Amino acid sequence: KELNDVYNLILKKLPAKEKTKLKAEQ
């Protein structure tokens, strides 16, 4: 749960291209 929470917090801060990269990384 903590992992998912911080992952979603990061996604909210990132621009679109970086979001795509993080999603693929995760």
PDB file of all heavy atoms in Angstrom:
ATOM      1  N   LYS A   1       0.831  -1.203   0.000  1.00  0.00           N
ATOM      2  CA  LYS A   1       0.000   0.000   0.000  1.00  0.00           C
ATOM      3  C   LYS A   1       0.868   1.258   0.000  1.00  0.00           C
ATOM      4  O   LYS A   1       0.605   2.216  -0.745  1.00  0.00           O
ATOM      5  CB  LYS A   1      -0.923   0.015   1.216  1.00  0.00           C
ATOM      6  CG  LYS A   1      -1.818   1.259   1.298  1.00  0.00           C
ATOM      7  CD  LYS A   1      -2.678   1.247   2.537  1.00  0.00           C
ATOM      8  CE  LYS A   1      -3.557   2.489   2.600  1.00  0.00           C
ATOM      9  NZ  LYS A   1      -2.780   3.757   2.585  1.00  0.00           N
ATOM     10  N   GLU A   2       1.902   1.278   0.829  1.00  0.00           N
ATOM     11  CA  GLU A   2       2.802   2.436   0.881  1.00  0.00           C
ATOM     12  C   GLU A   2       3.500   2.631  -0.468  1.00  0.00           C
ATOM     13  O   GLU A   2       3.680   3.766  -0.926  1.00  0.00           O
ATOM     14  CB  GLU A   2       3.841   2.251   1.984  1.00  0.00           C
ATOM     15  CG  GLU A   2       3.276   2.309   3.398  1.00  0.00           C
ATOM     16  CD  GLU A   2       2.835   3.709   3.811  1.00  0.00           C
ATOM     17  OE1 GLU A   2       3.103   4.679   3.067  1.00  0.00           O
ATOM     18  OE2 GLU A   2       2.224   3.836   4.893  1.00  0.00           O
ATOM     19  N   LEU A   3       3.881   1.529  -1.087  1.00  0.00           N
ATOM     20  CA  LEU A   3       4.513   1.595  -2.400  1.00  0.00           C
ATOM     21  C   LEU A   3       3.579   2.237  -3.419  1.00  0.00           C
ATOM     22  O   LEU A   3       3.972   3.144  -4.166  1.00  0.00           O
ATOM     23  CB  LEU A   3       4.905   0.181  -2.849  1.00  0.00           C
ATOM     24  CG  LEU A   3       5.346   0.015  -4.310  1.00  0.00           C
ATOM     25  CD1 LEU A   3       6.585   0.838  -4.606  1.00  0.00           C
ATOM     26  CD2 LEU A   3       5.599  -1.457  -4.619  1.00  0.00           C
ATOM     27  N   ASN A   4       2.336   1.783  -3.457  1.00  0.00           N
ATOM     28  CA  ASN A   4       1.367   2.338  -4.405  1.00  0.00           C
ATOM     29  C   ASN A   4       1.077   3.806  -4.126  1.00  0.00           C
ATOM     30  O   ASN A   4       0.907   4.610  -5.053  1.00  0.00           O
ATOM     31  CB  ASN A   4       0.070   1.524  -4.370  1.00  0.00           C
ATOM     32  CG  ASN A   4       0.247   0.131  -4.939  1.00  0.00           C
ATOM     33  OD1 ASN A   4       1.078  -0.085  -5.819  1.00  0.00           O
ATOM     34  ND2 ASN A   4      -0.524  -0.823  -4.436  1.00  0.00           N
ATOM     35  N   ASP A   5       1.035   4.159  -2.855  1.00  0.00           N
ATOM     36  CA  ASP A   5       0.762   5.557  -2.488  1.00  0.00           C
ATOM     37  C   ASP A   5       1.858   6.495  -2.991  1.00  0.00           C
ATOM     38  O   ASP A   5       1.572   7.534  -3.599  1.00  0.00           O
ATOM     39  CB  ASP A   5       0.641   5.693  -0.962  1.00  0.00           C
ATOM     40  CG  ASP A   5      -0.666   5.132  -0.418  1.00  0.00           C
ATOM     41  OD1 ASP A   5      -1.566   4.854  -1.227  1.00  0.00           O
ATOM     42  OD2 ASP A   5      -0.767   4.960   0.812  1.00  0.00           O
ATOM     43  N   VAL A   6       3.107   6.142  -2.741  1.00  0.00           N
ATOM     44  CA  VAL A   6       4.203   7.036  -3.144  1.00  0.00           C
ATOM     45  C   VAL A   6       4.366   7.029  -4.658  1.00  0.00           C
ATOM     46  O   VAL A   6       4.699   8.052  -5.267  1.00  0.00           O
ATOM     47  CB  VAL A   6       5.518   6.665  -2.420  1.00  0.00           C
ATOM     48  CG1 VAL A   6       6.098   5.349  -2.911  1.00  0.00           C
ATOM     49  CG2 VAL A   6       6.544   7.793  -2.597  1.00  0.00           C
ATOM     50  N   TYR A   7       4.107   5.898  -5.291  1.00  0.00           N
ATOM     51  CA  TYR A   7       4.145   5.812  -6.760  1.00  0.00           C
ATOM     52  C   TYR A   7       3.137   6.789  -7.371  1.00  0.00           C
ATOM     53  O   TYR A   7       3.458   7.543  -8.299  1.00  0.00           O
ATOM     54  CB  TYR A   7       3.840   4.378  -7.187  1.00  0.00           C
ATOM     55  CG  TYR A   7       3.592   4.189  -8.666  1.00  0.00           C
ATOM     56  CD1 TYR A   7       4.629   4.301  -9.596  1.00  0.00           C
ATOM     57  CD2 TYR A   7       2.319   3.886  -9.139  1.00  0.00           C
ATOM     58  CE1 TYR A   7       4.393   4.117 -10.951  1.00  0.00           C
ATOM     59  CE2 TYR A   7       2.072   3.700 -10.487  1.00  0.00           C
ATOM     60  CZ  TYR A   7       3.108   3.817 -11.388  1.00  0.00           C
ATOM     61  OH  TYR A   7       2.868   3.637 -12.727  1.00  0.00           O
ATOM     62  N   ASN A   8       1.925   6.805  -6.829  1.00  0.00           N
ATOM     63  CA  ASN A   8       0.896   7.720  -7.347  1.00  0.00           C
ATOM     64  C   ASN A   8       1.220   9.181  -7.042  1.00  0.00           C
ATOM     65  O   ASN A   8       0.909  10.073  -7.839  1.00  0.00           O
ATOM     66  CB  ASN A   8      -0.470   7.346  -6.768  1.00  0.00           C
ATOM     67  CG  ASN A   8      -1.013   6.059  -7.368  1.00  0.00           C
ATOM     68  OD1 ASN A   8      -0.885   5.828  -8.559  1.00  0.00           O
ATOM     69  ND2 ASN A   8      -1.603   5.214  -6.533  1.00  0.00           N
ATOM     70  N   LEU A   9       1.841   9.437  -5.903  1.00  0.00           N
ATOM     71  CA  LEU A   9       2.254  10.807  -5.584  1.00  0.00           C
ATOM     72  C   LEU A   9       3.291  11.316  -6.584  1.00  0.00           C
ATOM     73  O   LEU A   9       3.238  12.472  -7.022  1.00  0.00           O
ATOM     74  CB  LEU A   9       2.832  10.867  -4.166  1.00  0.00           C
ATOM     75  CG  LEU A   9       1.834  10.802  -3.012  1.00  0.00           C
ATOM     76  CD1 LEU A   9       2.563  10.648  -1.682  1.00  0.00           C
ATOM     77  CD2 LEU A   9       0.957  12.051  -2.989  1.00  0.00           C
ATOM     78  N   ILE A  10       4.228  10.445  -6.957  1.00  0.00           N
ATOM     79  CA  ILE A  10       5.239  10.830  -7.943  1.00  0.00           C
ATOM     80  C   ILE A  10       4.582  11.106  -9.293  1.00  0.00           C
ATOM     81  O   ILE A  10       4.895  12.093  -9.971  1.00  0.00           O
ATOM     82  CB  ILE A  10       6.316   9.741  -8.081  1.00  0.00           C
ATOM     83  CG1 ILE A  10       7.124   9.630  -6.788  1.00  0.00           C
ATOM     84  CG2 ILE A  10       7.254  10.052  -9.244  1.00  0.00           C
ATOM     85  CD1 ILE A  10       8.133   8.497  -6.783  1.00  0.00           C
ATOM     86  N   LEU A  11       3.659  10.237  -9.694  1.00  0.00           N
ATOM     87  CA  LEU A  11       2.978  10.423 -10.977  1.00  0.00           C
ATOM     88  C   LEU A  11       2.290  11.784 -11.063  1.00  0.00           C
ATOM     89  O   LEU A  11       2.305  12.438 -12.110  1.00  0.00           O
ATOM     90  CB  LEU A  11       1.940   9.318 -11.201  1.00  0.00           C
ATOM     91  CG  LEU A  11       2.454   7.941 -11.627  1.00  0.00           C
ATOM     92  CD1 LEU A  11       1.289   6.984 -11.772  1.00  0.00           C
ATOM     93  CD2 LEU A  11       3.239   8.019 -12.926  1.00  0.00           C
ATOM     94  N   LYS A  12       1.702  12.231  -9.960  1.00  0.00           N
ATOM     95  CA  LYS A  12       1.006  13.520  -9.946  1.00  0.00           C
ATOM     96  C   LYS A  12       1.961  14.689 -10.174  1.00  0.00           C
ATOM     97  O   LYS A  12       1.558  15.734 -10.697  1.00  0.00           O
ATOM     98  CB  LYS A  12       0.270  13.706  -8.619  1.00  0.00           C
ATOM     99  CG  LYS A  12      -0.951  12.805  -8.453  1.00  0.00           C
ATOM    100  CD  LYS A  12      -1.595  13.007  -7.091  1.00  0.00           C
ATOM    101  CE  LYS A  12      -2.784  12.076  -6.911  1.00  0.00           C
ATOM    102  NZ  LYS A  12      -3.402  12.214  -5.572  1.00  0.00           N
ATOM    103  N   LYS A  13       3.226  14.517  -9.804  1.00  0.00           N
ATOM    104  CA  LYS A  13       4.185  15.612  -9.917  1.00  0.00           C
ATOM    105  C   LYS A  13       4.886  15.673 -11.273  1.00  0.00           C
ATOM    106  O   LYS A  13       5.424  16.715 -11.636  1.00  0.00           O
ATOM    107  CB  LYS A  13       5.248  15.494  -8.825  1.00  0.00           C
ATOM    108  CG  LYS A  13       4.826  16.029  -7.468  1.00  0.00           C
ATOM    109  CD  LYS A  13       6.045  16.288  -6.600  1.00  0.00           C
ATOM    110  CE  LYS A  13       5.690  17.062  -5.339  1.00  0.00           C
ATOM    111  NZ  LYS A  13       6.875  17.486  -4.597  1.00  0.00           N
ATOM    112  N   LEU A  14       4.886  14.554 -11.992  1.00  0.00           N
ATOM    113  CA  LEU A  14       5.699  14.480 -13.200  1.00  0.00           C
ATOM    114  C   LEU A  14       4.963  14.993 -14.429  1.00  0.00           C
ATOM    115  O   LEU A  14       3.749  14.836 -14.544  1.00  0.00           O
ATOM    116  CB  LEU A  14       6.128  13.030 -13.450  1.00  0.00           C
ATOM    117  CG  LEU A  14       7.099  12.419 -12.445  1.00  0.00           C
ATOM    118  CD1 LEU A  14       7.370  10.964 -12.811  1.00  0.00           C
ATOM    119  CD2 LEU A  14       8.407  13.198 -12.384  1.00  0.00           C
ATOM    120  N   PRO A  15       5.698  15.569 -15.399  1.00  0.00           N
ATOM    121  CA  PRO A  15       5.105  15.908 -16.696  1.00  0.00           C
ATOM    122  C   PRO A  15       4.777  14.634 -17.460  1.00  0.00           C
ATOM    123  O   PRO A  15       5.232  13.538 -17.104  1.00  0.00           O
ATOM    124  CB  PRO A  15       6.210  16.714 -17.392  1.00  0.00           C
ATOM    125  CG  PRO A  15       7.469  16.310 -16.720  1.00  0.00           C
ATOM    126  CD  PRO A  15       7.112  15.976 -15.302  1.00  0.00           C
ATOM    127  N   ALA A  16       3.992  14.762 -18.544  1.00  0.00           N
ATOM    128  CA  ALA A  16       3.427  13.602 -19.250  1.00  0.00           C
ATOM    129  C   ALA A  16       4.481  12.595 -19.686  1.00  0.00           C
ATOM    130  O   ALA A  16       4.326  11.385 -19.478  1.00  0.00           O
ATOM    131  CB  ALA A  16       2.627  14.083 -20.460  1.00  0.00           C
ATOM    132  N   LYS A  17       5.569  13.064 -20.284  1.00  0.00           N
ATOM    133  CA  LYS A  17       6.589  12.145 -20.788  1.00  0.00           C
ATOM    134  C   LYS A  17       7.231  11.361 -19.656  1.00  0.00           C
ATOM    135  O   LYS A  17       7.463  10.148 -19.771  1.00  0.00           O
ATOM    136  CB  LYS A  17       7.656  12.918 -21.563  1.00  0.00           C
ATOM    137  CG  LYS A  17       8.720  12.023 -22.169  1.00  0.00           C
ATOM    138  CD  LYS A  17       9.742  12.839 -22.945  1.00  0.00           C
ATOM    139  CE  LYS A  17      10.848  11.947 -23.501  1.00  0.00           C
ATOM    140  NZ  LYS A  17      11.865  12.714 -24.239  1.00  0.00           N
ATOM    141  N   GLU A  18       7.502  12.034 -18.536  1.00  0.00           N
ATOM    142  CA  GLU A  18       8.121  11.357 -17.404  1.00  0.00           C
ATOM    143  C   GLU A  18       7.156  10.375 -16.747  1.00  0.00           C
ATOM    144  O   GLU A  18       7.564   9.341 -16.228  1.00  0.00           O
ATOM    145  CB  GLU A  18       8.616  12.390 -16.388  1.00  0.00           C
ATOM    146  CG  GLU A  18       9.708  13.304 -16.914  1.00  0.00           C
ATOM    147  CD  GLU A  18      10.917  12.531 -17.409  1.00  0.00           C
ATOM    148  OE1 GLU A  18      11.360  11.605 -16.694  1.00  0.00           O
ATOM    149  OE2 GLU A  18      11.411  12.837 -18.502  1.00  0.00           O
ATOM    150  N   LYS A  19       5.850  10.702 -16.776  1.00  0.00           N
ATOM    151  CA  LYS A  19       4.850   9.761 -16.261  1.00  0.00           C
ATOM    152  C   LYS A  19       4.895   8.458 -17.051  1.00  0.00           C
ATOM    153  O   LYS A  19       4.858   7.362 -16.478  1.00  0.00           O
ATOM    154  CB  LYS A  19       3.444  10.365 -16.362  1.00  0.00           C
ATOM    155  CG  LYS A  19       3.114  11.389 -15.313  1.00  0.00           C
ATOM    156  CD  LYS A  19       1.686  11.882 -15.500  1.00  0.00           C
ATOM    157  CE  LYS A  19       1.361  12.965 -14.473  1.00  0.00           C
ATOM    158  NZ  LYS A  19      -0.001  13.517 -14.670  1.00  0.00           N
ATOM    159  N   THR A  20       4.967   8.586 -18.375  1.00  0.00           N
ATOM    160  CA  THR A  20       5.009   7.403 -19.236  1.00  0.00           C
ATOM    161  C   THR A  20       6.216   6.541 -18.925  1.00  0.00           C
ATOM    162  O   THR A  20       6.128   5.315 -18.843  1.00  0.00           O
ATOM    163  CB  THR A  20       5.035   7.830 -20.716  1.00  0.00           C
ATOM    164  OG1 THR A  20       3.885   8.627 -20.992  1.00  0.00           O
ATOM    165  CG2 THR A  20       5.025   6.621 -21.636  1.00  0.00           C
ATOM    166  N   LYS A  21       7.361   7.184 -18.714  1.00  0.00           N
ATOM    167  CA  LYS A  21       8.591   6.451 -18.397  1.00  0.00           C
ATOM    168  C   LYS A  21       8.473   5.732 -17.058  1.00  0.00           C
ATOM    169  O   LYS A  21       8.878   4.571 -16.920  1.00  0.00           O
ATOM    170  CB  LYS A  21       9.778   7.413 -18.381  1.00  0.00           C
ATOM    171  CG  LYS A  21      10.189   7.906 -19.748  1.00  0.00           C
ATOM    172  CD  LYS A  21      11.231   8.992 -19.670  1.00  0.00           C
ATOM    173  CE  LYS A  21      12.540   8.519 -19.143  1.00  0.00           C
ATOM    174  NZ  LYS A  21      13.586   9.565 -19.191  1.00  0.00           N
ATOM    175  N   LEU A  22       7.896   6.415 -16.056  1.00  0.00           N
ATOM    176  CA  LEU A  22       7.768   5.796 -14.732  1.00  0.00           C
ATOM    177  C   LEU A  22       6.795   4.626 -14.775  1.00  0.00           C
ATOM    178  O   LEU A  22       7.028   3.587 -14.136  1.00  0.00           O
ATOM    179  CB  LEU A  22       7.316   6.825 -13.698  1.00  0.00           C
ATOM    180  CG  LEU A  22       7.151   6.283 -12.269  1.00  0.00           C
ATOM    181  CD1 LEU A  22       8.465   5.734 -11.735  1.00  0.00           C
ATOM    182  CD2 LEU A  22       6.614   7.366 -11.330  1.00  0.00           C
ATOM    183  N   LYS A  23       5.704   4.760 -15.530  1.00  0.00           N
ATOM    184  CA  LYS A  23       4.742   3.665 -15.636  1.00  0.00           C
ATOM    185  C   LYS A  23       5.393   2.429 -16.247  1.00  0.00           C
ATOM    186  O   LYS A  23       5.172   1.308 -15.776  1.00  0.00           O
ATOM    187  CB  LYS A  23       3.542   4.109 -16.484  1.00  0.00           C
ATOM    188  CG  LYS A  23       2.604   5.068 -15.771  1.00  0.00           C
ATOM    189  CD  LYS A  23       1.462   5.491 -16.688  1.00  0.00           C
ATOM    190  CE  LYS A  23       0.515   6.458 -15.976  1.00  0.00           C
ATOM    191  NZ  LYS A  23      -0.574   6.918 -16.873  1.00  0.00           N
ATOM    192  N   ALA A  24       6.187   2.642 -17.276  1.00  0.00           N
ATOM    193  CA  ALA A  24       6.882   1.515 -17.901  1.00  0.00           C
ATOM    194  C   ALA A  24       7.903   0.903 -16.942  1.00  0.00           C
ATOM    195  O   ALA A  24       8.050  -0.320 -16.850  1.00  0.00           O
ATOM    196  CB  ALA A  24       7.573   1.981 -19.182  1.00  0.00           C
ATOM    197  N   GLU A  25       8.596   1.768 -16.208  1.00  0.00           N
ATOM    198  CA  GLU A  25       9.588   1.295 -15.228  1.00  0.00           C
ATOM    199  C   GLU A  25       8.911   0.458 -14.145  1.00  0.00           C
ATOM    200  O   GLU A  25       9.403  -0.602 -13.761  1.00  0.00           O
ATOM    201  CB  GLU A  25      10.291   2.496 -14.596  1.00  0.00           C
ATOM    202  CG  GLU A  25      11.258   2.141 -13.499  1.00  0.00           C
ATOM    203  CD  GLU A  25      11.725   3.361 -12.716  1.00  0.00           C
ATOM    204  OE1 GLU A  25      11.901   4.441 -13.331  1.00  0.00           O
ATOM    205  OE2 GLU A  25      11.906   3.245 -11.484  1.00  0.00           O
ATOM    206  N   GLN A  26       7.758   0.944 -13.646  1.00  0.00           N
ATOM    207  CA  GLN A  26       7.062   0.227 -12.576  1.00  0.00           C
ATOM    208  C   GLN A  26       6.499  -1.100 -13.075  1.00  0.00           C
ATOM    209  O   GLN A  26       6.528  -2.107 -12.356  1.00  0.00           O
ATOM    210  CB  GLN A  26       5.939   1.098 -12.010  1.00  0.00           C
ATOM    211  CG  GLN A  26       5.250   0.520 -10.788  1.00  0.00           C
ATOM    212  CD  GLN A  26       6.160   0.481  -9.560  1.00  0.00           C
ATOM    213  OE1 GLN A  26       7.297   0.932  -9.596  1.00  0.00           O
ATOM    214  NE2 GLN A  26       5.650  -0.061  -8.469  1.00  0.00           N
TER     215      GLN A  26
END
